[in-house]
Amino acid sequence: PTGLASDGEVEDYQVKYDPTAAVITAVRIERISVEHYLSAHEPAEVTALLAAYGMENEGQSGGTDLRAIEQLRERLDPDNDGSFAMLSWSTLDEQGTVGFFVDRVEIGRHDWVRINDVLLPGMVDAPLGGEYLYADPDARTGVDYDYRLIEQEAWGGKREYCPFRLRYE
């Protein structure tokens, strides 16, 4: 093929394939009990969550001590209402995904707020996807929110996935 086809021949077209973008399969946002969350997770998971919020475990010999659990309880429930918003999502494919930012907005408003200042890293060692959890302890009880995921791509692009709603019924 060297040019236009005037006799009904099938023409060749250049197609640009962008191999980036996550395939998000499920998003769940719910308010959960702090006590239930802490009791359902192993000490290593609690320590990992502390690290995700820039808090260090003060325990000895690699374990999670009571102070570390109290630190996490304070971080997850700053208003002492006993619960926090938990976002979870899974992906089937992550080609070129560097990571995610999470934003929220009160329903009826237009000012999106970024809830993670540091990019939540993509699963570069799991190209077939992964599962993500991110807590939003600053979501107020009794307020309905929309959330969006912002995927940061390796080549500088961004993709937005939204809205995902958290309602109080």
Protein backbone atom coordinates (compact mmCIF):
# COMPACT_ATOMS: atom_id res chain seq x y z
CA PRO A 1 0.00 0.00 0.00
CA THR A 2 1.45 3.28 -1.12
CA GLY A 3 -1.47 5.67 -1.30
CA LEU A 4 -5.19 6.22 -1.42
CA ALA A 5 -7.38 3.44 -2.78
CA SER A 6 -9.88 4.71 -5.31
CA ASP A 7 -11.25 1.35 -6.42
CA GLY A 8 -12.79 0.07 -3.14
CA GLU A 9 -9.65 -1.57 -1.88
CA VAL A 10 -9.31 -1.69 1.91
CA GLU A 11 -7.17 1.20 3.04
CA ASP A 12 -4.42 1.18 5.60
CA TYR A 13 -4.70 3.57 8.51
CA GLN A 14 -2.12 4.30 11.13
CA VAL A 15 -3.50 3.40 14.55
CA LYS A 16 -1.83 4.74 17.65
CA TYR A 17 -1.89 2.23 20.50
CA ASP A 18 -1.34 3.67 23.97
CA PRO A 19 -0.40 0.76 26.22
CA THR A 20 -1.00 2.71 29.40
CA ALA A 21 -4.08 2.79 31.56
CA ALA A 22 -5.30 0.65 34.36
CA VAL A 23 -8.35 -1.51 33.92
CA ILE A 24 -10.26 -0.92 37.14
CA THR A 25 -12.72 -3.70 37.87
CA ALA A 26 -14.24 -2.85 41.22
CA VAL A 27 -14.35 0.16 43.50
CA ARG A 28 -15.82 0.00 46.97
CA ILE A 29 -16.13 2.86 49.43
CA GLU A 30 -17.55 2.26 52.86
CA ARG A 31 -17.48 3.56 56.39
CA ILE A 32 -15.98 0.96 58.70
CA SER A 33 -15.39 0.66 62.43
CA VAL A 34 -11.86 1.47 63.60
CA GLU A 35 -11.98 -1.30 66.21
CA HIS A 36 -13.21 -3.85 63.69
CA TYR A 37 -10.48 -2.86 61.24
CA LEU A 38 -7.69 -3.05 63.82
CA SER A 39 -8.86 -6.40 65.20
CA ALA A 40 -9.16 -7.93 61.72
CA HIS A 41 -5.57 -7.24 60.65
CA GLU A 42 -2.26 -8.80 61.56
CA PRO A 43 0.42 -6.70 63.30
CA ALA A 44 2.50 -6.59 60.09
CA GLU A 45 -0.46 -5.07 58.22
CA VAL A 46 -0.95 -2.48 60.96
CA THR A 47 2.75 -1.59 60.72
CA ALA A 48 2.48 -1.26 56.92
CA LEU A 49 -0.52 1.04 57.29
CA LEU A 50 1.38 3.17 59.80
CA ALA A 51 4.20 3.52 57.26
CA ALA A 52 1.71 4.53 54.54
CA TYR A 53 0.72 7.51 56.68
CA GLY A 54 4.32 8.44 57.47
CA MET A 55 4.12 7.11 61.03
CA GLU A 56 6.75 4.80 62.44
CA ASN A 57 6.21 1.79 64.66
CA GLU A 58 7.80 2.40 68.04
CA GLY A 59 7.65 -1.31 68.98
CA GLN A 60 10.59 -3.52 69.74
CA SER A 61 11.90 -6.52 67.75
CA GLY A 62 9.81 -5.83 64.65
CA GLY A 63 6.44 -6.27 66.38
CA THR A 64 3.58 -3.81 66.61
CA ASP A 65 3.23 -2.49 70.14
CA LEU A 66 0.19 -0.95 71.81
CA ARG A 67 1.51 2.59 71.20
CA ALA A 68 1.69 1.91 67.45
CA ILE A 69 -1.90 0.66 67.43
CA GLU A 70 -2.97 3.72 69.42
CA GLN A 71 -1.17 5.97 66.91
CA LEU A 72 -3.04 4.32 64.08
CA ARG A 73 -6.35 4.57 65.95
CA GLU A 74 -5.76 8.32 66.43
CA ARG A 75 -4.85 8.77 62.74
CA LEU A 76 -7.83 6.79 61.42
CA ASP A 77 -10.36 8.44 63.74
CA PRO A 78 -9.35 12.06 64.39
CA ASP A 79 -12.95 13.08 65.23
CA ASN A 80 -13.44 10.12 67.62
CA ASP A 81 -16.67 8.95 65.99
CA GLY A 82 -15.42 5.33 65.90
CA SER A 83 -15.28 4.96 62.11
CA PHE A 84 -13.52 6.08 58.95
CA ALA A 85 -14.02 5.87 55.18
CA MET A 86 -12.14 3.05 53.43
CA LEU A 87 -11.63 2.98 49.68
CA SER A 88 -10.71 -0.24 47.95
CA TRP A 89 -10.30 -0.97 44.27
CA SER A 90 -8.86 -3.68 42.12
CA THR A 91 -7.31 -3.67 38.70
CA LEU A 92 -7.05 -6.34 36.03
CA ASP A 93 -4.26 -4.67 34.11
CA GLU A 94 -1.74 -1.93 34.85
CA GLN A 95 0.42 -1.19 31.85
CA GLY A 96 2.46 1.92 32.46
CA THR A 97 0.69 2.84 35.70
CA VAL A 98 3.02 4.63 38.09
CA GLY A 99 0.39 5.03 40.80
CA PHE A 100 -2.79 6.70 41.98
CA PHE A 101 -3.98 9.85 43.66
CA VAL A 102 -7.36 9.91 45.38
CA ASP A 103 -9.57 13.03 45.49
CA ARG A 104 -12.91 13.66 47.17
CA VAL A 105 -15.60 16.32 47.05
CA GLU A 106 -18.72 16.86 49.13
CA ILE A 107 -21.78 16.14 47.00
CA GLY A 108 -23.15 19.42 45.68
CA ARG A 109 -19.77 21.19 45.79
CA HIS A 110 -17.09 21.52 43.14
CA ASP A 111 -13.83 21.84 45.09
CA TRP A 112 -12.05 18.49 44.88
CA VAL A 113 -9.60 17.78 47.72
CA ARG A 114 -6.60 15.50 47.26
CA ILE A 115 -6.52 13.05 50.17
CA ASN A 116 -3.10 11.50 49.53
CA ASP A 117 -0.22 13.94 49.09
CA VAL A 118 2.14 11.15 48.10
CA LEU A 119 1.39 9.01 45.06
CA LEU A 120 0.04 5.58 46.02
CA PRO A 121 2.45 3.37 44.03
CA GLY A 122 1.17 1.15 41.25
CA MET A 123 1.82 -2.57 41.29
CA VAL A 124 4.72 -2.56 38.83
CA ASP A 125 5.60 -6.14 39.77
CA ALA A 126 2.03 -7.28 39.08
CA PRO A 127 1.17 -6.34 35.47
CA LEU A 128 -2.00 -8.40 35.75
CA GLY A 129 -3.33 -5.98 38.33
CA GLY A 130 -3.66 -5.78 42.05
CA GLU A 131 -5.79 -4.70 44.97
CA TYR A 132 -5.57 -1.34 46.70
CA LEU A 133 -6.81 0.02 50.02
CA TYR A 134 -6.69 3.60 51.14
CA ALA A 135 -8.27 5.11 54.24
CA ASP A 136 -9.81 8.58 54.32
CA PRO A 137 -9.92 9.42 58.03
CA ASP A 138 -10.86 13.05 57.34
CA ALA A 139 -14.22 12.17 55.76
CA ARG A 140 -16.84 13.44 58.19
CA THR A 141 -19.67 11.28 59.44
CA GLY A 142 -23.03 12.25 57.97
CA VAL A 143 -21.55 13.90 54.86
CA ASP A 144 -22.00 12.34 51.41
CA TYR A 145 -18.90 12.37 49.18
CA ASP A 146 -17.85 11.61 45.63
CA TYR A 147 -14.37 10.18 45.12
CA ARG A 148 -12.19 9.94 42.04
CA LEU A 149 -9.05 8.00 41.26
CA ILE A 150 -6.35 9.75 39.26
CA GLU A 151 -4.01 7.31 37.55
CA GLN A 152 -0.52 8.69 36.90
CA GLU A 153 0.97 7.10 33.78
CA ALA A 154 4.65 6.45 33.14
CA TRP A 155 4.72 8.78 30.12
CA GLY A 156 3.26 11.75 31.97
CA GLY A 157 -0.42 11.30 31.18
CA LYS A 158 -3.20 11.08 33.73
CA ARG A 159 -6.51 9.25 33.63
CA GLU A 160 -9.47 10.01 35.82
CA TYR A 161 -11.92 7.39 37.07
CA CYS A 162 -15.04 8.71 38.81
CA PRO A 163 -17.39 9.38 40.44
CA PHE A 164 -17.57 6.82 43.21
CA ARG A 165 -20.04 7.75 45.92
CA LEU A 166 -20.02 7.33 49.68
CA ARG A 167 -23.53 7.92 51.08
CA TYR A 168 -24.85 7.94 54.61
CA GLU A 169 -28.29 6.38 54.69
